[in-house]
Protein backbone atom coordinates (compact mmCIF):
# COMPACT_ATOMS: atom_id res chain seq x y z
CA MET A 1 127.66 -16.95 -160.07
CA ARG A 2 125.77 -14.99 -157.40
CA LEU A 3 128.57 -15.62 -154.92
CA ILE A 4 131.17 -14.42 -157.42
CA ARG A 5 129.12 -11.31 -158.20
CA ALA A 6 128.75 -10.56 -154.48
CA ILE A 7 132.52 -10.90 -153.95
CA LEU A 8 133.31 -8.62 -156.90
CA MET A 9 131.06 -5.93 -155.39
CA GLU A 10 133.37 -5.77 -152.33
CA PRO A 11 130.45 -5.12 -149.95
CA ASP A 12 130.63 -4.14 -146.30
CA ILE A 13 128.05 -6.79 -145.36
CA PHE A 14 127.54 -10.27 -146.85
CA LEU A 15 124.00 -11.68 -146.39
CA LEU A 16 124.24 -15.37 -147.32
CA ASP A 17 121.18 -17.64 -147.41
CA GLU A 18 122.25 -21.32 -147.65
CA PRO A 19 125.49 -20.47 -149.53
CA THR A 20 126.80 -24.06 -149.62
CA ASN A 21 123.77 -25.51 -151.43
CA HIS A 22 124.74 -26.96 -154.84
CA LEU A 23 128.46 -26.50 -154.10
CA ALA A 24 131.00 -29.32 -154.37
CA HIS A 25 133.40 -30.00 -151.50
CA GLY A 26 136.21 -28.01 -153.11
CA ALA A 27 133.97 -24.99 -153.65
CA VAL A 28 132.77 -25.10 -150.03
CA THR A 29 136.39 -25.17 -148.86
CA TRP A 30 137.19 -22.17 -151.07
CA ILE A 31 134.25 -20.04 -149.87
CA THR A 32 135.05 -21.01 -146.26
CA ASP A 33 138.66 -19.86 -146.64
CA TYR A 34 137.56 -16.64 -148.38
CA LEU A 35 135.06 -15.66 -145.68
CA CYS A 36 137.49 -16.51 -142.88
CA GLY A 37 140.09 -14.30 -144.54
CA LEU A 38 137.91 -11.18 -144.56
CA GLY A 39 139.07 -8.37 -142.29
CA GLN A 40 136.53 -5.55 -141.83
CA GLN A 41 133.41 -6.97 -143.50
CA THR A 42 130.44 -8.47 -141.64
CA VAL A 43 129.04 -11.86 -142.70
CA LEU A 44 125.49 -12.90 -141.75
CA VAL A 45 124.71 -16.51 -142.71
CA VAL A 46 121.63 -18.73 -142.65
CA SER A 47 122.67 -22.35 -143.20
CA HIS A 48 121.91 -25.96 -142.25
CA ASP A 49 125.55 -26.91 -142.92
CA THR A 50 126.83 -27.23 -139.34
CA LYS A 51 130.44 -27.83 -140.34
CA PHE A 52 130.44 -24.69 -142.49
CA LEU A 53 128.97 -22.64 -139.63
CA GLU A 54 131.54 -24.02 -137.19
CA ASN A 55 134.40 -23.02 -139.51
CA VAL A 56 133.11 -19.56 -140.47
CA CYS A 57 131.04 -18.03 -137.68
CA THR A 58 132.40 -16.35 -134.56
CA ASP A 59 128.95 -15.56 -133.10
CA ILE A 60 125.60 -17.36 -133.13
CA ILE A 61 122.18 -15.69 -133.18
CA HIS A 62 119.64 -18.25 -131.98
CA TYR A 63 115.86 -17.99 -132.31
CA GLU A 64 114.53 -19.51 -129.09
CA GLN A 65 111.73 -19.66 -126.55
CA ARG A 66 111.98 -19.47 -122.75
CA ALA A 67 109.30 -19.97 -120.11
CA VAL A 68 109.77 -16.45 -118.70
CA TRP A 69 108.92 -14.98 -122.11
CA GLY A 70 105.54 -16.70 -122.25
CA PRO A 71 104.41 -17.70 -125.77
CA TYR A 72 106.95 -15.45 -127.47
CA ARG A 73 110.29 -16.23 -129.12
CA ARG A 74 113.35 -14.00 -129.24
CA LEU A 75 116.69 -13.75 -131.03
CA VAL A 76 119.53 -14.36 -128.56
CA LEU A 77 123.19 -13.55 -129.30
CA TYR A 78 125.90 -16.01 -128.22
CA LYS A 79 129.48 -14.75 -128.64
CA THR A 80 130.97 -18.16 -129.41
CA LYS A 81 131.36 -20.66 -132.24
CA MET A 82 128.77 -23.39 -132.95
CA SER A 83 130.51 -25.94 -130.71
CA GLY A 84 130.62 -23.43 -127.85
CA PHE A 85 126.95 -22.59 -128.36
CA VAL A 86 126.02 -26.28 -128.04
CA LYS A 87 127.90 -26.46 -124.73
CA LEU A 88 125.82 -23.54 -123.46
CA GLN A 89 122.61 -24.99 -124.90
CA PRO A 90 122.93 -28.83 -124.75
CA GLN A 91 119.45 -29.29 -126.20
CA ALA A 92 120.82 -27.85 -129.46
CA LYS A 93 123.27 -30.74 -129.97
CA HIS A 94 120.97 -32.14 -132.67
CA TYR A 95 122.44 -29.47 -134.96
CA PHE A 96 125.49 -31.76 -135.22
CA GLU A 97 123.54 -35.02 -135.50
CA LEU A 98 121.25 -36.82 -137.93
CA ALA A 99 119.59 -38.88 -135.21
CA THR A 100 115.80 -38.70 -135.21
CA ASN A 101 113.65 -37.85 -132.24
CA ALA A 102 111.10 -40.54 -131.40
CA ASP A 103 108.46 -37.82 -131.04
CA GLY A 104 109.74 -35.69 -133.92
CA LEU A 105 109.39 -35.68 -137.70
CA LYS A 106 109.14 -39.04 -139.47
CA PHE A 107 108.83 -39.92 -143.15
CA ASP A 108 106.78 -43.00 -144.02
CA PHE A 109 107.69 -44.21 -147.53
CA PRO A 110 105.37 -46.72 -149.29
CA GLU A 111 106.97 -50.08 -150.05
CA PRO A 112 107.77 -50.53 -153.76
CA GLY A 113 105.80 -53.72 -154.31
CA ARG A 114 106.38 -56.55 -156.77
CA LEU A 115 108.65 -56.29 -159.81
CA GLU A 116 107.91 -59.14 -162.21
CA GLY A 117 110.72 -61.68 -162.46
CA VAL A 118 112.77 -60.07 -159.67
CA LYS A 119 112.71 -62.63 -156.86
CA THR A 120 115.42 -61.30 -154.52
CA SER A 121 116.60 -57.89 -153.36
CA THR A 122 120.02 -58.49 -154.97
CA GLN A 123 118.72 -59.50 -158.41
CA LYS A 124 119.54 -56.80 -160.96
CA PHE A 125 116.83 -54.62 -162.50
CA LEU A 126 119.27 -52.31 -164.28
CA GLU A 127 122.63 -53.00 -165.91
CA MET A 128 125.09 -51.11 -168.09
CA GLU A 129 127.81 -52.92 -170.04
CA ASN A 130 130.54 -50.99 -171.91
CA VAL A 131 128.29 -47.93 -172.18
CA ASP A 132 129.55 -44.61 -173.56
CA PHE A 133 127.87 -41.21 -173.56
CA ARG A 134 128.73 -38.23 -175.74
CA TYR A 135 126.80 -35.00 -176.12
CA LYS A 136 125.75 -34.08 -179.65
CA GLY A 137 128.47 -32.12 -181.39
CA ALA A 138 131.14 -33.09 -178.84
CA GLU A 139 134.38 -34.65 -180.06
CA THR A 140 134.99 -36.80 -176.98
CA ASN A 141 132.87 -38.88 -174.63
CA GLN A 142 131.60 -37.39 -171.40
CA LEU A 143 131.53 -40.94 -169.97
CA THR A 144 133.33 -44.02 -171.30
CA ASP A 145 133.03 -47.79 -170.76
CA ILE A 146 130.48 -47.71 -167.93
CA ASN A 147 129.81 -51.09 -166.29
CA LEU A 148 127.20 -50.92 -163.51
CA LYS A 149 124.42 -52.94 -161.90
CA MET A 150 121.55 -52.01 -159.61
CA SER A 151 119.11 -54.02 -157.50
CA LEU A 152 116.47 -53.29 -154.85
CA SER A 153 119.15 -53.52 -152.17
CA SER A 154 121.33 -50.83 -153.81
CA ARG A 155 122.20 -47.76 -151.73
CA ILE A 156 124.50 -45.69 -153.94
CA VAL A 157 126.09 -42.24 -153.85
CA ILE A 158 127.70 -40.74 -156.97
CA LEU A 159 130.77 -38.68 -156.11
CA GLY A 160 132.94 -36.40 -158.23
CA ALA A 161 133.80 -32.80 -159.01
CA ASN A 162 131.24 -30.45 -160.56
CA GLY A 163 131.09 -31.10 -164.30
CA ALA A 164 132.57 -34.61 -164.02
CA GLY A 165 129.39 -36.22 -165.37
CA LYS A 166 127.45 -37.19 -162.24
CA THR A 167 124.13 -35.71 -163.37
CA THR A 168 124.74 -37.02 -166.90
CA LEU A 169 124.96 -40.54 -165.45
CA LEU A 170 121.78 -40.02 -163.43
CA LYS A 171 119.91 -38.83 -166.52
CA MET A 172 120.86 -42.02 -168.35
CA ILE A 173 119.56 -44.10 -165.45
CA VAL A 174 116.19 -42.30 -165.38
CA GLY A 175 115.85 -42.45 -169.17
CA GLU A 176 116.30 -38.78 -170.03
CA THR A 177 119.26 -39.63 -172.26
CA ILE A 178 120.44 -42.81 -173.99
CA PRO A 179 123.96 -44.25 -174.48
CA SER A 180 125.85 -42.98 -177.50
CA ASN A 181 126.97 -46.50 -178.42
CA SER A 182 123.64 -48.27 -177.93
CA GLY A 183 123.57 -51.20 -180.37
CA GLN A 184 127.26 -50.68 -181.13
CA GLY A 185 128.84 -52.55 -178.26
CA GLY A 186 127.10 -50.73 -175.42
CA LYS A 187 124.31 -52.59 -173.63
CA PHE A 188 121.81 -50.92 -171.31
CA TYR A 189 119.13 -53.08 -169.67
CA VAL A 190 116.30 -51.63 -167.57
CA HIS A 191 113.39 -53.74 -166.32
CA PRO A 192 110.38 -52.62 -168.42
CA ASN A 193 108.11 -52.24 -165.36
CA LEU A 194 110.65 -50.40 -163.20
CA ARG A 195 109.10 -47.34 -161.55
CA ILE A 196 111.61 -44.55 -161.01
CA ALA A 197 111.09 -41.41 -158.94
CA TYR A 198 113.46 -38.57 -159.79
CA VAL A 199 113.96 -35.53 -157.54
CA ALA A 200 116.01 -33.06 -159.56
CA GLN A 201 118.90 -31.00 -158.18
CA HIS A 202 116.82 -27.84 -158.46
CA ALA A 203 113.83 -29.45 -156.75
CA PHE A 204 111.72 -26.30 -156.98
CA SER A 205 111.57 -26.73 -160.77
CA HIS A 206 108.96 -29.41 -160.15
CA VAL A 207 106.51 -26.92 -158.61
CA GLU A 208 107.43 -23.52 -160.07
CA ARG A 209 104.41 -23.59 -162.44
CA HIS A 210 102.02 -24.26 -159.54
CA MET A 211 103.00 -21.64 -156.98
CA GLU A 212 99.43 -20.33 -156.57
CA GLU A 213 98.01 -23.81 -156.00
CA SER A 214 97.89 -25.91 -152.84
CA PRO A 215 100.13 -28.99 -152.56
CA VAL A 216 96.99 -31.15 -152.77
CA ALA A 217 95.90 -29.43 -156.01
CA TYR A 218 99.39 -29.90 -157.46
CA LEU A 219 99.33 -33.67 -156.82
CA GLN A 220 95.78 -33.90 -158.21
CA TRP A 221 96.88 -32.21 -161.43
CA ARG A 222 99.96 -34.40 -161.71
CA PHE A 223 98.36 -37.82 -161.08
CA LYS A 224 94.62 -37.51 -161.85
CA ASP A 225 94.94 -39.53 -165.10
CA GLY A 226 96.56 -42.53 -163.39
CA PHE A 227 100.13 -41.70 -164.41
CA ASP A 228 102.73 -38.98 -163.84
CA LYS A 229 101.60 -36.15 -166.13
CA GLU A 230 104.61 -34.00 -165.24
CA LYS A 231 107.02 -36.72 -166.32
CA LEU A 232 105.26 -37.34 -169.63
CA GLU A 233 105.29 -33.62 -170.41
CA SER A 234 109.05 -33.39 -169.79
CA GLU A 235 111.50 -33.13 -172.67
CA ALA A 236 112.63 -36.73 -172.16
CA TYR A 237 109.11 -38.07 -172.85
CA ARG A 238 107.43 -35.38 -174.96
CA ILE A 239 106.79 -36.40 -178.57
CA THR A 240 108.82 -34.20 -180.92
CA PRO A 241 107.47 -32.69 -184.17
CA GLU A 242 109.67 -35.12 -186.13
CA GLU A 243 108.26 -38.08 -184.20
CA GLN A 244 104.69 -36.83 -184.73
CA GLU A 245 105.35 -36.71 -188.48
CA ALA A 246 106.54 -40.34 -188.35
CA ILE A 247 103.41 -41.31 -186.37
CA ASP A 248 101.13 -39.61 -188.91
CA ALA A 249 102.98 -41.13 -191.87
CA PHE A 250 102.60 -44.62 -190.35
CA ASN A 251 98.88 -43.91 -189.79
CA LEU A 252 99.36 -44.96 -186.17
CA GLU A 253 96.40 -44.52 -183.82
CA GLY A 254 98.09 -45.80 -180.68
CA ILE A 255 99.90 -48.57 -178.83
CA TRP A 256 97.29 -50.79 -177.18
CA SER A 257 99.33 -53.25 -175.11
CA ARG A 258 102.71 -54.89 -174.55
CA ARG A 259 103.88 -58.47 -174.18
CA MET A 260 107.05 -60.48 -173.69
CA ARG A 261 107.76 -63.02 -176.41
CA GLY A 262 110.94 -64.99 -176.91
CA GLY A 263 112.66 -62.83 -174.32
CA LYS A 264 111.86 -59.63 -176.23
CA LEU A 265 109.24 -56.93 -175.71
CA GLU A 266 106.56 -56.59 -178.37
CA TYR A 267 103.97 -53.81 -178.64
CA GLU A 268 100.44 -54.13 -180.03
CA VAL A 269 100.04 -51.36 -182.61
CA LYS A 270 96.63 -50.02 -183.68
CA LYS A 271 96.55 -48.23 -187.03
CA LYS A 272 93.81 -45.86 -188.11
CA HIS A 273 90.96 -47.34 -190.17
CA VAL A 274 92.13 -50.87 -189.30
CA ARG A 275 89.96 -53.23 -187.23
CA GLU A 276 91.26 -53.92 -183.73
CA LYS A 277 91.38 -57.66 -184.38
CA ASP A 278 93.89 -56.93 -187.14
CA ASN A 279 96.32 -55.15 -184.82
CA LYS A 280 99.94 -56.20 -185.28
CA TYR A 281 102.79 -56.65 -182.81
CA TYR A 282 106.14 -54.97 -183.40
CA SER A 283 109.34 -55.43 -181.43
CA ARG A 284 110.78 -52.55 -179.44
CA ASP A 285 113.76 -52.34 -181.80
CA GLU A 286 111.45 -52.15 -184.83
CA LEU A 287 109.43 -49.29 -183.35
CA MET A 288 112.58 -47.47 -182.25
CA GLY A 289 113.86 -47.81 -185.80
CA MET A 290 110.65 -46.17 -187.05
CA GLY A 291 111.34 -43.15 -184.85
CA PHE A 292 108.80 -43.82 -182.08
CA GLU A 293 111.22 -43.53 -179.12
CA HIS A 294 109.17 -41.13 -176.98
CA LEU A 295 105.88 -42.90 -177.72
CA ILE A 296 107.42 -46.17 -176.47
CA LYS A 297 108.71 -44.45 -173.33
CA GLN A 298 105.25 -43.01 -172.65
CA THR A 299 103.68 -46.44 -173.11
CA ASP A 300 106.18 -48.09 -170.75
CA GLU A 301 105.58 -45.38 -168.14
CA LYS A 302 101.79 -45.79 -168.28
CA ILE A 303 102.05 -49.59 -168.01
CA ALA A 304 104.41 -49.29 -165.02
CA ALA A 305 101.98 -46.86 -163.37
CA LYS A 306 99.12 -49.29 -163.95
CA GLU A 307 101.20 -52.07 -162.35
CA ALA A 308 101.39 -49.85 -159.24
CA GLY A 309 97.61 -49.38 -159.26
CA LEU A 310 97.78 -45.63 -159.91
CA ASP A 311 94.83 -45.86 -162.29
CA LEU A 312 92.70 -47.09 -159.37
CA ARG A 313 94.14 -44.92 -156.59
CA PRO A 314 91.76 -42.05 -155.70
CA VAL A 315 93.10 -38.51 -155.93
CA THR A 316 90.65 -37.06 -153.42
CA THR A 317 91.74 -34.32 -151.05
CA SER A 318 91.61 -36.67 -148.06
CA GLU A 319 93.68 -39.39 -149.79
CA ILE A 320 96.37 -36.95 -150.91
CA GLN A 321 96.49 -35.16 -147.56
CA LYS A 322 96.97 -38.51 -145.83
CA HIS A 323 99.95 -39.08 -148.13
CA LEU A 324 101.35 -35.59 -147.41
CA ASP A 325 101.06 -36.24 -143.67
CA SER A 326 103.63 -39.04 -144.14
CA PHE A 327 106.10 -36.42 -145.40
CA GLY A 328 105.65 -33.80 -142.69
CA LEU A 329 103.17 -31.53 -144.52
CA PRO A 330 100.08 -31.25 -142.31
CA GLN A 331 96.67 -30.03 -143.48
CA GLU A 332 97.49 -26.42 -142.66
CA PHE A 333 100.07 -26.41 -145.46
CA GLY A 334 98.98 -29.33 -147.65
CA THR A 335 95.30 -28.56 -148.15
CA TYR A 336 94.81 -24.93 -147.16
CA GLY A 337 98.18 -23.35 -147.93
CA LYS A 338 99.69 -22.33 -151.26
CA ILE A 339 103.00 -23.64 -152.55
CA ARG A 340 104.28 -20.05 -152.73
CA GLY A 341 103.94 -19.82 -148.95
CA LEU A 342 105.98 -22.94 -148.21
CA SER A 343 109.55 -22.72 -146.93
CA GLY A 344 112.38 -24.23 -148.95
CA GLY A 345 112.37 -27.34 -146.76
CA GLN A 346 108.61 -27.75 -147.08
CA LYS A 347 108.85 -27.54 -150.87
CA VAL A 348 111.45 -30.32 -150.83
CA LYS A 349 109.09 -32.42 -148.69
CA LEU A 350 106.32 -31.79 -151.23
CA VAL A 351 108.56 -32.87 -154.12
CA LEU A 352 109.53 -36.03 -152.19
CA ALA A 353 105.86 -36.77 -151.50
CA ALA A 354 105.04 -36.38 -155.20
CA ALA A 355 107.93 -38.67 -156.15
CA TYR A 356 106.69 -41.42 -153.83
CA TRP A 357 103.07 -41.21 -155.00
CA THR A 358 104.03 -43.57 -157.84
CA VAL A 359 105.22 -46.22 -155.33
CA PRO A 360 108.67 -46.37 -157.00
CA HIS A 361 111.18 -49.22 -156.98
CA LEU A 362 114.07 -46.76 -157.39
CA VAL A 363 114.33 -43.23 -156.05
CA VAL A 364 116.92 -40.92 -157.61
CA LEU A 365 117.94 -37.92 -155.50
CA ASP A 366 120.10 -35.12 -156.90
CA GLU A 367 121.37 -33.07 -153.93
CA PRO A 368 118.44 -34.01 -151.64
CA THR A 369 119.85 -32.23 -148.57
CA ASN A 370 119.50 -28.71 -149.99
CA PHE A 371 117.04 -26.66 -147.90
CA LEU A 372 116.32 -29.49 -145.42
CA ASP A 373 116.99 -28.81 -141.74
CA ARG A 374 118.76 -31.26 -139.44
CA GLU A 375 115.54 -32.86 -138.22
CA ALA A 376 114.31 -33.43 -141.77
CA LEU A 377 117.72 -34.85 -142.81
CA GLY A 378 117.60 -37.29 -139.91
CA ALA A 379 114.05 -38.33 -140.80
CA LEU A 380 115.00 -38.78 -144.47
CA SER A 381 118.05 -40.88 -143.58
CA ALA A 382 116.04 -43.10 -141.23
CA ALA A 383 113.24 -43.59 -143.78
CA LEU A 384 115.61 -44.48 -146.64
CA ASN A 385 117.43 -47.02 -144.46
CA ILE A 386 114.27 -49.05 -143.75
CA TRP A 387 112.65 -48.60 -147.16
CA GLY A 388 112.53 -51.67 -149.42
CA GLY A 389 113.47 -49.96 -152.68
CA ALA A 390 116.76 -48.85 -154.25
CA VAL A 391 118.35 -45.45 -153.65
CA ILE A 392 120.87 -43.56 -155.75
CA MET A 393 121.91 -40.00 -155.00
CA ILE A 394 124.31 -37.19 -155.70
CA SER A 395 125.27 -35.41 -152.50
CA HIS A 396 128.11 -33.35 -151.10
CA ASN A 397 126.88 -33.88 -147.55
CA THR A 398 129.22 -36.60 -146.28
CA GLN A 399 127.40 -37.05 -142.99
CA PHE A 400 124.10 -37.65 -144.77
CA TYR A 401 125.14 -39.95 -147.61
CA SER A 402 127.43 -42.05 -145.41
CA SER A 403 124.44 -42.76 -143.15
CA VAL A 404 122.50 -44.24 -146.09
CA CYS A 405 124.80 -45.41 -148.88
CA LYS A 406 126.87 -48.60 -148.80
CA GLU A 407 128.26 -48.14 -152.30
CA GLU A 408 130.13 -45.29 -154.00
CA TRP A 409 130.40 -44.54 -157.72
CA HIS A 410 133.35 -42.20 -158.29
CA VAL A 411 133.15 -40.20 -161.54
CA ALA A 412 136.38 -38.65 -162.82
CA ASP A 413 137.99 -38.18 -166.25
CA GLY A 414 135.01 -39.84 -167.94
CA ILE A 415 135.41 -43.07 -165.95
CA VAL A 416 133.05 -44.49 -163.30
CA LYS A 417 134.78 -46.47 -160.56
CA VAL A 418 132.65 -48.58 -158.21
CA GLU A 419 133.55 -49.05 -154.55
CA GLY A 420 131.55 -50.79 -151.85
CA ALA A 421 128.76 -53.36 -151.76
CA SER A 422 128.40 -54.37 -155.43
CA GLN A 423 132.18 -54.41 -155.91
CA GLU A 424 132.47 -56.84 -152.99
CA ARG A 425 129.73 -59.04 -154.48
CA ALA A 426 131.48 -58.98 -157.85
CA MET A 427 134.81 -59.95 -156.28
CA LYS A 428 133.13 -62.85 -154.44
CA ALA A 429 131.52 -63.99 -157.69
CA VAL A 430 134.90 -63.92 -159.46
CA ALA A 431 136.44 -65.86 -156.55
CA ARG A 432 133.70 -68.51 -156.80
CA LYS A 433 134.28 -68.86 -160.54
CA LYS A 434 138.04 -69.21 -160.02
CA LYS A 435 137.50 -71.81 -157.30
CA TYR A 436 135.15 -73.81 -159.51
CA ALA A 437 137.57 -73.61 -162.45
CA LYS A 438 140.41 -74.72 -160.17
CA GLU A 439 138.37 -77.71 -158.98
CA LEU A 440 137.60 -78.73 -162.55
CA ASP A 441 141.23 -78.27 -163.53
CA GLY A 442 142.31 -80.43 -160.59
CA GLU A 443 139.92 -83.19 -161.57
CA GLU A 444 141.14 -83.14 -165.17
CA LYS A 445 144.79 -83.34 -164.06
CA LEU A 446 143.97 -86.20 -161.70
CA GLU A 447 142.14 -88.00 -164.47
CA LYS A 448 145.13 -87.69 -166.83
CA ALA A 449 147.47 -88.94 -164.10
CA GLY A 450 145.31 -92.00 -163.52
CA GLY A 451 144.30 -90.96 -160.01
CA ASN A 452 141.38 -92.55 -158.18
CA MET A 453 139.12 -89.54 -158.87
CA ASN A 454 138.46 -91.18 -162.25
CA ALA A 455 138.73 -94.75 -161.06
CA ASN A 456 135.04 -95.30 -161.65
CA GLY A 457 134.88 -93.27 -164.86
CA ASP A 458 134.54 -96.29 -167.15
CA LYS A 459 132.29 -98.24 -164.80
CA TYR A 460 129.24 -95.98 -165.20
CA LYS A 461 127.57 -94.73 -168.37
CA ASP A 462 127.18 -91.09 -169.41
CA ALA A 463 123.64 -89.71 -169.10
CA THR A 464 121.69 -87.26 -171.28
CA LEU A 465 118.16 -88.15 -170.10
CA ASN A 466 116.80 -88.72 -166.59
CA PHE A 467 114.48 -91.53 -165.40
CA TRP A 468 111.42 -89.63 -166.67
CA GLY A 469 112.83 -88.99 -170.14
CA ALA A 470 113.58 -85.29 -169.60
CA THR A 471 116.86 -83.84 -170.87
CA VAL A 472 119.53 -83.45 -168.21
CA SER A 473 120.49 -79.78 -167.78
CA LYS A 474 124.09 -78.60 -168.03
CA LYS A 475 124.21 -78.10 -164.28
CA GLU A 476 122.84 -81.62 -163.67
CA ALA A 477 125.28 -83.05 -166.22
CA ARG A 478 128.22 -81.52 -164.34
CA ALA A 479 126.92 -82.89 -161.04
CA TYR A 480 126.41 -86.34 -162.58
CA GLU A 481 129.92 -86.35 -164.08
CA LYS A 482 131.42 -85.38 -160.74
CA ALA A 483 129.47 -88.12 -158.92
CA LYS A 484 130.40 -90.67 -161.60
CA LYS A 485 134.12 -90.02 -161.16
CA LYS A 486 133.78 -90.48 -157.41
CA GLY A 487 131.59 -93.56 -157.81
CA ASN A 488 128.81 -91.89 -155.78
CA VAL A 489 125.81 -94.00 -156.85
CA GLU A 490 123.36 -92.21 -154.57
CA ALA A 491 124.27 -88.81 -156.06
CA MET A 492 123.97 -90.16 -159.61
CA ARG A 493 120.52 -91.63 -158.88
CA LYS A 494 119.48 -88.29 -157.39
CA VAL A 495 120.57 -86.36 -160.49
CA LEU A 496 118.71 -88.80 -162.76
CA GLN A 497 115.64 -88.64 -160.46
CA ILE A 498 115.41 -92.45 -160.15
CA PRO A 499 112.78 -93.39 -157.51
CA VAL A 500 113.84 -95.71 -154.68
CA GLY A 501 113.04 -99.31 -155.61
CA LYS A 502 113.24 -98.61 -159.35
CA VAL A 503 115.99 -99.58 -161.79
CA MET A 504 116.57 -97.25 -164.71
CA PRO A 505 116.81 -99.19 -168.02
CA GLY A 506 120.34 -99.04 -169.39
CA PHE A 507 121.67 -97.96 -165.98
CA GLU A 508 121.28 -101.24 -164.11
CA GLU A 509 124.68 -100.66 -162.47
CA LEU A 510 123.03 -97.92 -160.37
CA GLY A 511 120.78 -100.52 -158.73
CA ASP A 512 117.37 -99.93 -157.15
CA GLY A 513 118.56 -97.51 -154.48
CA LYS A 514 117.40 -99.64 -151.54
CA ALA A 515 120.92 -100.48 -150.44
CA THR A 516 121.75 -96.79 -149.94
CA ASN A 517 118.65 -96.01 -147.85
């Protein structure tokens, strides 16, 4: 809107500070064409978007230092485009690169740690099946039939035009909104102990209430109670007046603990004037049905924070400053400076540092490149590539997201199309299933035709129990059946766990196993 207002004023001079931030690719192309088409007006731009500068600017003003000037810096005019400027000043080639300098800025992200039940980096911790989302009062869905999975190895960028639903999808992932068809065909699974760090598109919104405080003081306020106070005070977690009425009517004092039983989460509920030993457990669905949605979300968040050890982590000045050092905010700015005095890039570094204080498993970045210079972008890319957690982002900076993300989610016309790593894994899984089905089908046809695959089928008995009396699993039963048809005695004995030298009663035809060893 500010750009449009500036254009309508028909000024003689355009002063543009990071004009491409928050703009989609099409909008950047439009503003580039507009500025290049101006005749008599002067355009003065400050931007970290090298491609935009190359396309728009005819002259470069560079702030630099030379030995003959002593300790002072000066503004130097170069009457050439960005590419020509780099030829004149080769040391400035990093303006076109994301590569990090070994002696330059580095981000050191804490490893996410254990996630109960997740044993591999490709095992899902989040899944959507046939999920729809519709805003209240809307006649049509914003998003329809979403089918997605995420794991610790995920590196995802969400692409699409402004207004397509990218941020809406992100908000579902971080729990700020819920599917419209939840319980009505749509399934949305999130690991209950998953720790998510969310850096919003307008990153400064995180710190705008703390401008007169130091970065250290801001983190102390946010995490002093052992959980993310800012998150729990947000609209997505804050208990509404209607929910408070339901809590009071139920005489609920609090939720004491949580457990997994029969594959479902249950919460220990303490009611007022009731002894603690008489506390009762309620399922998540039961409590949701009572109207306690935000209370449950707060409980889950506090338990996840405790799993990360946040309740034990000291929030002393030295501990927090050490953390800020890992994000390029030295003591001069972190401990002694005020947030108001930080540059845009430094504020983004502060927000990133706050996000990683919780030791997240998943970091969600909405336009993370806004206000970061080339060095910081390179450091962020390098850090994300070696970090052990999952990354999902919205970005219009092709150079940045292509250096990190191996998977693309394209959002258009209410549909999310997946391209890249998870799609390839899904295709391989389908291929394996088809191959297995084909093998089974081939065996069945051979059996009907009287082929030798089933020549031993009547010679050996079917098995439901192994040597030790335990029930044979479905997988073991399939392996046994396959071995039986082939007459593979050794494989059958292995499935039934018959020790060498022993004969299994009722299966004497399998022998004692000595002949096969």
